[in-house]
Amino acid sequence: MKTKVKELSYEQVLALKPEKSRKPVKPGLFWRKLMQFLGKGELKATNFKANYIGMEKLGRCEPCLILMNHSCFTDLLIAETVFADRPFNIVCTSDGFVGKKSLMRSLGCIPTNKFVTDFVLVRNMKFAFDKLHTSVLMYPEASYSFDGTATPLPATLGKCLKLFDVPVVMIRTYGAFARDPLYNNLQKRKVDISADIKYLLSREDIQKKSVDELNEILKKEFCFDNWEWQKQNNVQITEPFRADYLNRVLYKCSCCGAEGKMLGKGINLTCGACGTKWTLNEDGTLAPEKPFSSVPAWFRWEREQVRKELTDGTYRLDVPVEIYMLVNTKAIYHVGEGTLKHDNNGFVLDGCNGKLHYEQSPKASYSLYSDYYWYEIGDMICIGDMKTLYYCFPKEAGDIVAKARIATEELYKMSTL
């Protein structure tokens, strides 16, 4: 999927009028049926099956909050299929509205800036529940998983459940990540997909439990390891491209410690510094198994290494980037180039011949909007606030996107201790 891009100067973008926030609309029957039709072919190819757990407790016309783990675009098609008889609004990233605002609104989408405190989003979701009498689909992780395991949830989620005062339903998918992992450059594999649709919390449950108790329940529900699931269920991925771009996740050699020298190609992952080679087996394990037999274990080690750098004060990102901006839904604006820096003090972005300067502290967000092959442009790091987002595309800087997200999450933890 691509997006609309325009070339404008930084001054021209600053002069653009911001768009007014609009309340969400109830998705019409035509659009719901269209999404279900579009999803038929994709889900048929995956032999999709749904398992409903306790859903008889949910009233036929009763609005609910639908929480879903996020693996790939197929997630939305699954939700539209399993809730075919229930209108719902969809919380989605604001850049998804670019060039197709009317369509997205007709589908019932509610825009938000990822990993930014967004009170307007909460208000719009409340409006959907109370005034439109619709359910709302939300991916609380906000971004696709890099390593196939759970990503952090916002600490405010429990408070939101109290405010919304509607039942909570959980959709948990199996096989979606294995079929279309983010690192693999949109190359789909032949993997069956299934989902559990579970009635998780009633209004009474939410009223009785504390915010901390609610957050713990959600954290438990969003605890998963897609690689372990693949191994335990003997899911064989035989595609010859299964390790393509795996270096985006495993960017640091676990043997020599070199960064930015890893290459994922075909079924192998190779370090260009020391020459060590691993094979990504059909069951998702790595061979040789030393020092790590799984992608998540290796990724956890990379997190430990980043944490050590932050503690020692040696972590530093300083790379040239192409800079794009989002200030409205008409386009993503390419404004020039600059330098993105990240250390224990947070992010600093300078560019556009000295005209752009933006700083973001470690306390600004618990995670980072970063992505691989974003709208088929390239690997990306996004920072900003409710008014403006800056999309930074590193120029020949190696695989830094995953490390930057890890560092952001660890810095936030350290800053809030």
Protein backbone atom coordinates (compact mmCIF):
# COMPACT_ATOMS: atom_id res chain seq x y z
CA MET A 1 0.00 0.00 0.00
CA LYS A 2 1.29 3.44 -0.93
CA THR A 3 0.41 6.94 0.24
CA LYS A 4 0.16 10.39 -1.34
CA VAL A 5 3.41 12.37 -1.12
CA LYS A 6 3.98 16.03 -2.07
CA GLU A 7 7.18 18.05 -2.30
CA LEU A 8 6.86 21.31 -0.34
CA SER A 9 9.28 23.54 1.52
CA TYR A 10 9.25 23.57 5.30
CA GLU A 11 7.85 27.13 5.28
CA GLN A 12 5.03 26.12 2.95
CA VAL A 13 4.04 23.22 5.20
CA LEU A 14 4.03 25.45 8.27
CA ALA A 15 1.65 27.81 6.44
CA LEU A 16 -0.91 25.07 5.79
CA LYS A 17 -4.10 25.29 7.80
CA PRO A 18 -4.63 22.40 10.24
CA GLU A 19 -7.79 20.37 9.86
CA LYS A 20 -10.57 20.58 12.38
CA SER A 21 -11.35 17.50 14.42
CA ARG A 22 -14.60 15.84 13.41
CA LYS A 23 -16.71 13.36 15.30
CA PRO A 24 -16.75 9.80 13.93
CA VAL A 25 -19.69 8.50 11.91
CA LYS A 26 -21.44 5.16 12.05
CA PRO A 27 -20.18 2.87 9.27
CA GLY A 28 -22.91 2.19 6.73
CA LEU A 29 -24.08 -1.27 5.74
CA PHE A 30 -22.62 -0.88 2.22
CA TRP A 31 -19.11 -0.24 3.52
CA ARG A 32 -19.32 -3.06 6.02
CA LYS A 33 -20.40 -5.49 3.32
CA LEU A 34 -17.68 -4.23 1.01
CA MET A 35 -14.95 -4.87 3.59
CA GLN A 36 -16.35 -8.33 4.24
CA PHE A 37 -16.35 -9.05 0.50
CA LEU A 38 -12.78 -7.82 0.10
CA GLY A 39 -11.68 -10.07 2.94
CA LYS A 40 -13.24 -13.27 1.59
CA GLY A 41 -10.45 -14.15 -0.81
CA GLU A 42 -7.67 -13.41 1.66
CA LEU A 43 -9.27 -15.38 4.49
CA LYS A 44 -10.19 -18.27 2.20
CA ALA A 45 -6.53 -18.55 1.23
CA THR A 46 -5.65 -18.92 4.91
CA ASN A 47 -8.42 -21.46 5.71
CA PHE A 48 -9.55 -19.01 8.38
CA LYS A 49 -11.43 -20.38 11.38
CA ALA A 50 -12.96 -18.52 14.32
CA ASN A 51 -13.47 -19.85 17.83
CA TYR A 52 -16.06 -17.95 19.90
CA ILE A 53 -15.66 -18.03 23.69
CA GLY A 54 -18.41 -16.68 25.95
CA MET A 55 -19.75 -14.38 23.25
CA GLU A 56 -23.34 -15.32 24.14
CA LYS A 57 -22.93 -12.91 27.07
CA LEU A 58 -22.78 -9.93 24.71
CA GLY A 59 -26.11 -8.41 23.77
CA ARG A 60 -26.97 -8.47 20.07
CA CYS A 61 -27.07 -4.66 19.84
CA GLU A 62 -24.81 -3.94 22.82
CA PRO A 63 -21.76 -1.76 22.03
CA CYS A 64 -18.43 -3.15 23.17
CA LEU A 65 -14.73 -2.35 23.02
CA ILE A 66 -12.95 -4.82 20.74
CA LEU A 67 -9.26 -5.23 21.53
CA MET A 68 -7.08 -7.10 19.06
CA ASN A 69 -3.42 -8.05 18.82
CA HIS A 70 -1.75 -6.52 15.75
CA SER A 71 0.26 -8.64 13.31
CA CYS A 72 -0.56 -7.48 9.78
CA PHE A 73 -3.25 -5.88 7.62
CA THR A 74 -5.21 -9.16 7.59
CA ASP A 75 -6.22 -8.33 11.18
CA LEU A 76 -8.80 -5.82 9.94
CA LEU A 77 -10.29 -8.32 7.49
CA ILE A 78 -10.63 -10.81 10.32
CA ALA A 79 -12.43 -8.30 12.53
CA GLU A 80 -14.82 -7.32 9.72
CA THR A 81 -15.63 -11.01 9.19
CA VAL A 82 -16.16 -12.16 12.77
CA PHE A 83 -18.26 -9.06 13.56
CA ALA A 84 -20.15 -9.00 10.28
CA ASP A 85 -23.46 -8.42 12.07
CA ARG A 86 -22.17 -5.66 14.35
CA PRO A 87 -21.30 -2.11 13.21
CA PHE A 88 -18.05 -0.84 14.70
CA ASN A 89 -15.71 2.10 14.41
CA ILE A 90 -11.99 1.53 13.98
CA VAL A 91 -9.16 3.38 15.70
CA CYS A 92 -6.40 3.84 13.14
CA THR A 93 -3.27 5.89 12.56
CA SER A 94 -3.86 9.40 11.20
CA ASP A 95 -1.53 8.86 8.24
CA GLY A 96 -3.98 6.19 7.04
CA PHE A 97 -6.38 9.04 6.20
CA VAL A 98 -3.96 10.71 3.78
CA GLY A 99 -5.55 11.01 0.33
CA LYS A 100 -8.64 9.04 1.36
CA LYS A 101 -10.24 10.95 4.22
CA SER A 102 -13.84 10.56 3.02
CA LEU A 103 -13.43 6.82 2.47
CA MET A 104 -11.85 6.27 5.88
CA ARG A 105 -14.60 8.23 7.62
CA SER A 106 -17.27 6.25 5.74
CA LEU A 107 -15.63 3.05 6.99
CA GLY A 108 -16.03 4.39 10.52
CA CYS A 109 -12.33 5.02 11.14
CA ILE A 110 -11.23 7.27 14.02
CA PRO A 111 -7.77 8.84 13.46
CA THR A 112 -5.08 9.16 16.10
CA ASN A 113 -1.37 9.98 16.23
CA LYS A 114 0.49 6.92 17.49
CA PHE A 115 2.19 7.06 20.89
CA VAL A 116 0.98 10.61 21.49
CA THR A 117 -1.32 11.57 24.35
CA ASP A 118 -4.63 11.98 22.53
CA PHE A 119 -7.61 13.15 24.58
CA VAL A 120 -9.58 13.76 21.40
CA LEU A 121 -9.37 10.05 20.58
CA VAL A 122 -10.85 9.11 23.95
CA ARG A 123 -13.65 11.63 23.46
CA ASN A 124 -14.41 10.28 19.96
CA MET A 125 -14.48 6.69 21.19
CA LYS A 126 -16.86 7.68 23.97
CA PHE A 127 -19.04 9.42 21.38
CA ALA A 128 -19.17 6.22 19.31
CA PHE A 129 -20.28 4.15 22.29
CA ASP A 130 -22.81 6.61 23.71
CA LYS A 131 -24.23 8.45 20.68
CA LEU A 132 -23.64 6.19 17.67
CA HIS A 133 -24.29 3.03 19.72
CA THR A 134 -21.51 1.27 17.84
CA SER A 135 -18.66 -0.89 19.04
CA VAL A 136 -15.05 0.27 18.63
CA LEU A 137 -12.12 -1.81 17.37
CA MET A 138 -8.77 -0.86 18.83
CA TYR A 139 -5.27 -2.29 18.54
CA PRO A 140 -3.91 -1.20 21.94
CA GLU A 141 -0.33 -2.14 21.00
CA ALA A 142 -0.63 0.63 18.37
CA SER A 143 2.03 -0.93 16.11
CA TYR A 144 2.84 -4.24 14.49
CA SER A 145 5.12 -6.51 16.48
CA PHE A 146 8.75 -6.49 15.31
CA ASP A 147 9.82 -9.81 16.83
CA GLY A 148 6.49 -11.63 17.00
CA THR A 149 5.95 -11.07 20.72
CA ALA A 150 3.79 -8.58 22.62
CA THR A 151 4.63 -4.87 22.57
CA PRO A 152 3.95 -2.49 25.50
CA LEU A 153 0.41 -1.40 26.30
CA PRO A 154 -0.44 2.15 27.47
CA ALA A 155 -0.79 2.44 31.24
CA THR A 156 -3.92 4.54 30.71
CA LEU A 157 -5.86 1.67 29.15
CA GLY A 158 -7.40 0.54 32.44
CA LYS A 159 -8.68 4.07 33.11
CA CYS A 160 -10.23 4.16 29.65
CA LEU A 161 -12.15 0.95 30.35
CA LYS A 162 -13.67 2.62 33.40
CA LEU A 163 -14.61 5.69 31.36
CA PHE A 164 -16.11 3.82 28.41
CA ASP A 165 -18.28 1.58 30.63
CA VAL A 166 -18.88 -1.05 27.94
CA PRO A 167 -18.01 -4.77 27.81
CA VAL A 168 -14.59 -5.73 26.44
CA VAL A 169 -14.07 -8.39 23.79
CA MET A 170 -10.66 -9.77 22.82
CA ILE A 171 -9.64 -11.03 19.37
CA ARG A 172 -6.44 -13.03 19.43
CA THR A 173 -5.07 -14.31 16.14
CA TYR A 174 -2.89 -17.31 15.42
CA GLY A 175 -0.82 -17.54 12.26
CA ALA A 176 -1.25 -13.95 11.07
CA PHE A 177 2.30 -12.99 12.05
CA ALA A 178 3.75 -16.17 10.57
CA ARG A 179 1.93 -15.49 7.30
CA ASP A 180 2.97 -11.84 6.96
CA PRO A 181 5.64 -10.68 9.44
CA LEU A 182 6.51 -7.00 9.20
CA TYR A 183 10.22 -7.56 8.56
CA ASN A 184 9.64 -9.68 5.42
CA ASN A 185 8.75 -6.77 3.07
CA LEU A 186 5.10 -7.75 2.47
CA GLN A 187 6.03 -11.22 1.20
CA LYS A 188 3.21 -13.50 2.31
CA ARG A 189 3.70 -17.15 3.27
CA LYS A 190 1.31 -20.09 3.05
CA VAL A 191 0.07 -20.27 6.64
CA ASP A 192 -3.41 -20.95 7.99
CA ILE A 193 -4.93 -18.33 10.28
CA SER A 194 -7.39 -18.72 13.14
CA ALA A 195 -8.70 -16.48 15.89
CA ASP A 196 -10.22 -16.68 19.34
CA ILE A 197 -13.04 -14.18 19.91
CA LYS A 198 -13.43 -14.00 23.66
CA TYR A 199 -15.83 -12.11 25.93
CA LEU A 200 -13.22 -10.73 28.30
CA LEU A 201 -14.84 -8.26 30.70
CA SER A 202 -18.41 -7.30 31.50
CA ARG A 203 -19.41 -3.82 32.65
CA GLU A 204 -19.78 -5.24 36.16
CA ASP A 205 -16.26 -6.72 36.03
CA ILE A 206 -14.85 -3.34 35.01
CA GLN A 207 -16.71 -1.52 37.78
CA LYS A 208 -15.52 -3.94 40.47
CA LYS A 209 -11.87 -4.11 39.50
CA SER A 210 -9.22 -1.47 40.04
CA VAL A 211 -7.33 0.19 37.19
CA ASP A 212 -4.22 -1.82 38.09
CA GLU A 213 -6.19 -5.07 38.08
CA LEU A 214 -7.65 -4.25 34.68
CA ASN A 215 -4.21 -3.44 33.29
CA GLU A 216 -2.87 -6.76 34.56
CA ILE A 217 -5.70 -8.67 32.89
CA LEU A 218 -4.99 -6.92 29.59
CA LYS A 219 -1.26 -7.47 29.92
CA LYS A 220 -1.86 -11.20 30.41
CA GLU A 221 -4.15 -11.37 27.37
CA PHE A 222 -1.53 -9.62 25.25
CA CYS A 223 1.26 -11.99 26.23
CA PHE A 224 2.24 -14.20 23.28
CA ASP A 225 5.14 -15.57 21.26
CA ASN A 226 4.27 -16.26 17.62
CA TRP A 227 7.51 -18.17 17.02
CA GLU A 228 6.82 -20.52 19.93
CA TRP A 229 3.26 -21.00 18.65
CA GLN A 230 4.68 -21.94 15.24
CA LYS A 231 7.04 -24.49 16.78
CA GLN A 232 4.47 -26.05 19.11
CA ASN A 233 1.90 -26.40 16.32
CA ASN A 234 4.43 -27.76 13.83
CA VAL A 235 3.73 -25.00 11.33
CA GLN A 236 6.27 -25.38 8.54
CA ILE A 237 7.16 -22.28 6.54
CA THR A 238 8.95 -23.52 3.46
CA GLU A 239 9.16 -20.30 1.46
CA PRO A 240 12.73 -19.64 0.27
CA PHE A 241 12.45 -15.96 1.26
CA ARG A 242 11.50 -16.49 4.91
CA ALA A 243 14.70 -14.86 6.24
CA ASP A 244 14.67 -11.92 3.82
CA TYR A 245 15.31 -8.70 5.79
CA LEU A 246 15.40 -10.52 9.14
CA ASN A 247 18.35 -8.23 9.86
CA ARG A 248 15.79 -5.50 10.55
CA VAL A 249 14.93 -7.37 13.76
CA LEU A 250 18.25 -9.09 14.49
CA TYR A 251 20.45 -6.08 13.74
CA LYS A 252 23.24 -6.95 16.20
CA CYS A 253 25.48 -9.99 15.75
CA SER A 254 25.16 -12.22 18.80
CA CYS A 255 28.69 -13.56 18.20
CA CYS A 256 30.88 -10.52 17.54
CA GLY A 257 28.53 -7.69 18.60
CA ALA A 258 28.75 -5.79 15.31
CA GLU A 259 25.71 -3.68 14.40
CA GLY A 260 24.42 -2.84 10.94
CA LYS A 261 26.38 -5.68 9.35
CA MET A 262 23.69 -8.36 9.42
CA LEU A 263 22.08 -9.56 6.18
CA GLY A 264 18.87 -11.58 5.97
CA LYS A 265 18.59 -13.22 2.57
CA GLY A 266 16.75 -16.34 1.45
CA ILE A 267 16.71 -18.70 4.43
CA ASN A 268 19.93 -17.39 6.02
CA LEU A 269 21.06 -14.60 8.31
CA THR A 270 24.74 -13.68 7.96
CA CYS A 271 27.04 -11.30 9.82
CA GLY A 272 29.18 -9.31 7.40
CA ALA A 273 31.72 -8.58 10.13
CA CYS A 274 32.62 -12.04 11.46
CA GLY A 275 31.03 -14.24 8.79
CA THR A 276 28.84 -16.27 11.15
CA LYS A 277 25.77 -17.67 9.39
CA TRP A 278 22.45 -18.84 10.78
CA THR A 279 19.60 -20.64 9.03
CA LEU A 280 15.97 -19.84 9.76
CA ASN A 281 14.49 -23.34 9.84
CA GLU A 282 11.04 -24.22 8.53
CA ASP A 283 9.72 -24.48 12.10
CA GLY A 284 10.94 -20.95 12.94
CA THR A 285 13.98 -21.94 14.99
CA LEU A 286 17.53 -20.77 14.29
CA ALA A 287 20.45 -23.06 13.49
CA PRO A 288 22.99 -23.24 14.90
CA GLU A 289 21.12 -22.76 18.18
CA LYS A 290 24.00 -21.03 19.94
CA PRO A 291 23.84 -18.49 21.33
CA PHE A 292 20.09 -18.23 20.58
CA SER A 293 17.63 -20.72 19.14
CA SER A 294 14.77 -18.25 18.60
CA VAL A 295 14.24 -14.76 17.21
CA PRO A 296 12.53 -13.45 20.39
CA ALA A 297 15.42 -14.65 22.60
CA TRP A 298 17.91 -12.84 20.35
CA PHE A 299 15.70 -9.72 20.37
CA ARG A 300 15.51 -9.78 24.18
CA TRP A 301 19.33 -9.92 24.27
CA GLU A 302 19.45 -6.87 21.99
CA ARG A 303 17.15 -5.08 24.45
CA GLU A 304 19.49 -5.96 27.31
CA GLN A 305 22.41 -4.57 25.32
CA VAL A 306 20.56 -1.31 24.66
CA ARG A 307 19.62 -1.04 28.32
CA LYS A 308 23.30 -1.42 29.23
CA GLU A 309 24.29 1.32 26.78
CA LEU A 310 21.69 3.65 28.28
CA THR A 311 22.86 2.88 31.81
CA ASP A 312 26.49 3.44 30.80
CA GLY A 313 25.61 6.62 28.91
CA THR A 314 27.05 5.28 25.64
CA TYR A 315 23.87 4.96 23.61
CA ARG A 316 23.72 7.44 20.75
CA LEU A 317 21.93 7.66 17.42
CA ASP A 318 23.14 10.35 15.01
CA VAL A 319 22.08 9.79 11.41
CA PRO A 320 21.23 11.79 8.28
CA VAL A 321 17.56 11.46 7.35
CA GLU A 322 15.01 12.43 4.74
CA ILE A 323 12.21 14.33 6.50
CA TYR A 324 8.50 14.09 5.76
CA MET A 325 5.74 15.86 7.70
CA LEU A 326 2.07 15.23 8.43
CA VAL A 327 -0.04 18.28 9.26
CA ASN A 328 -3.27 17.37 7.44
CA THR A 329 -4.77 14.47 5.51
CA LYS A 330 -4.16 15.85 2.02
CA ALA A 331 -0.63 14.44 1.72
CA ILE A 332 2.58 13.45 3.43
CA TYR A 333 4.92 16.37 2.75
CA HIS A 334 8.57 15.81 1.89
CA VAL A 335 10.30 18.93 3.23
CA GLY A 336 13.97 18.06 2.84
CA GLU A 337 16.75 16.43 4.79
CA GLY A 338 18.38 16.77 8.16
CA THR A 339 19.86 14.92 11.13
CA LEU A 340 18.10 12.81 13.74
CA LYS A 341 19.81 12.35 17.09
CA HIS A 342 18.77 10.17 20.00
CA ASP A 343 20.45 9.67 23.38
CA ASN A 344 19.56 9.63 27.07
CA ASN A 345 18.07 13.12 26.72
CA GLY A 346 15.61 12.06 24.02
CA PHE A 347 15.24 12.92 20.34
CA VAL A 348 16.52 15.99 18.51
CA LEU A 349 15.64 16.60 14.86
CA ASP A 350 17.35 19.37 12.88
CA GLY A 351 16.90 19.98 9.21
CA CYS A 352 15.67 22.04 6.28
CA ASN A 353 18.78 24.24 6.25
CA GLY A 354 18.49 25.07 9.94
CA LYS A 355 14.83 26.06 9.85
CA LEU A 356 13.50 22.92 11.54
CA HIS A 357 14.37 22.09 15.13
CA TYR A 358 12.32 19.69 17.24
CA GLU A 359 13.08 18.05 20.59
CA GLN A 360 11.23 15.19 22.28
CA SER A 361 11.98 14.11 25.84
CA PRO A 362 12.18 10.48 27.04
CA LYS A 363 8.97 11.00 29.04
CA ALA A 364 6.99 12.01 25.96
CA SER A 365 5.99 8.46 25.04
CA TYR A 366 6.25 4.88 26.32
CA SER A 367 7.15 3.62 22.84
CA LEU A 368 8.07 4.79 19.34
CA TYR A 369 6.20 4.82 16.06
CA SER A 370 8.76 3.11 13.86
CA ASP A 371 8.12 0.87 10.91
CA TYR A 372 9.69 -1.19 8.14
CA TYR A 373 9.04 -0.34 4.48
CA TRP A 374 6.50 2.28 5.55
CA TYR A 375 3.99 2.82 2.72
CA GLU A 376 6.63 1.25 0.47
CA ILE A 377 8.92 4.28 0.99
CA GLY A 378 11.41 2.82 3.43
CA ASP A 379 12.22 2.09 7.08
CA MET A 380 11.02 4.95 9.23
CA ILE A 381 11.14 6.60 12.66
CA CYS A 382 8.32 9.00 13.55
CA ILE A 383 8.34 11.60 16.32
CA GLY A 384 6.08 14.56 16.99
CA ASP A 385 2.94 15.68 18.79
CA MET A 386 -0.78 16.17 18.19
CA LYS A 387 -0.19 19.01 15.73
CA THR A 388 2.73 17.75 13.64
CA LEU A 389 4.41 14.43 12.98
CA TYR A 390 7.93 14.12 11.57
CA TYR A 391 8.66 10.96 9.58
CA CYS A 392 12.39 10.36 9.41
CA PHE A 393 13.88 7.94 6.87
CA PRO A 394 17.53 7.07 7.68
CA LYS A 395 19.93 7.39 4.76
CA GLU A 396 22.30 4.40 4.59
CA ALA A 397 22.49 4.13 8.38
CA GLY A 398 22.09 0.40 8.78
CA ASP A 399 19.24 -1.21 10.69
CA ILE A 400 18.48 1.35 13.42
CA VAL A 401 14.67 1.37 13.48
CA ALA A 402 14.27 -1.53 15.92
CA LYS A 403 17.07 -0.28 18.17
CA ALA A 404 15.53 3.19 18.32
CA ARG A 405 12.19 1.74 19.44
CA ILE A 406 13.87 -0.41 22.08
CA ALA A 407 15.85 2.58 23.36
CA THR A 408 12.71 4.74 23.52
CA GLU A 409 10.86 2.12 25.57
CA GLU A 410 13.77 1.57 27.94
CA LEU A 411 14.39 5.31 28.37
CA TYR A 412 10.72 5.81 29.25
CA LYS A 413 10.96 3.10 31.91
CA MET A 414 14.12 4.68 33.35
CA SER A 415 12.60 8.19 33.33
CA THR A 416 9.48 7.10 35.21
CA LEU A 417 11.14 5.07 37.97
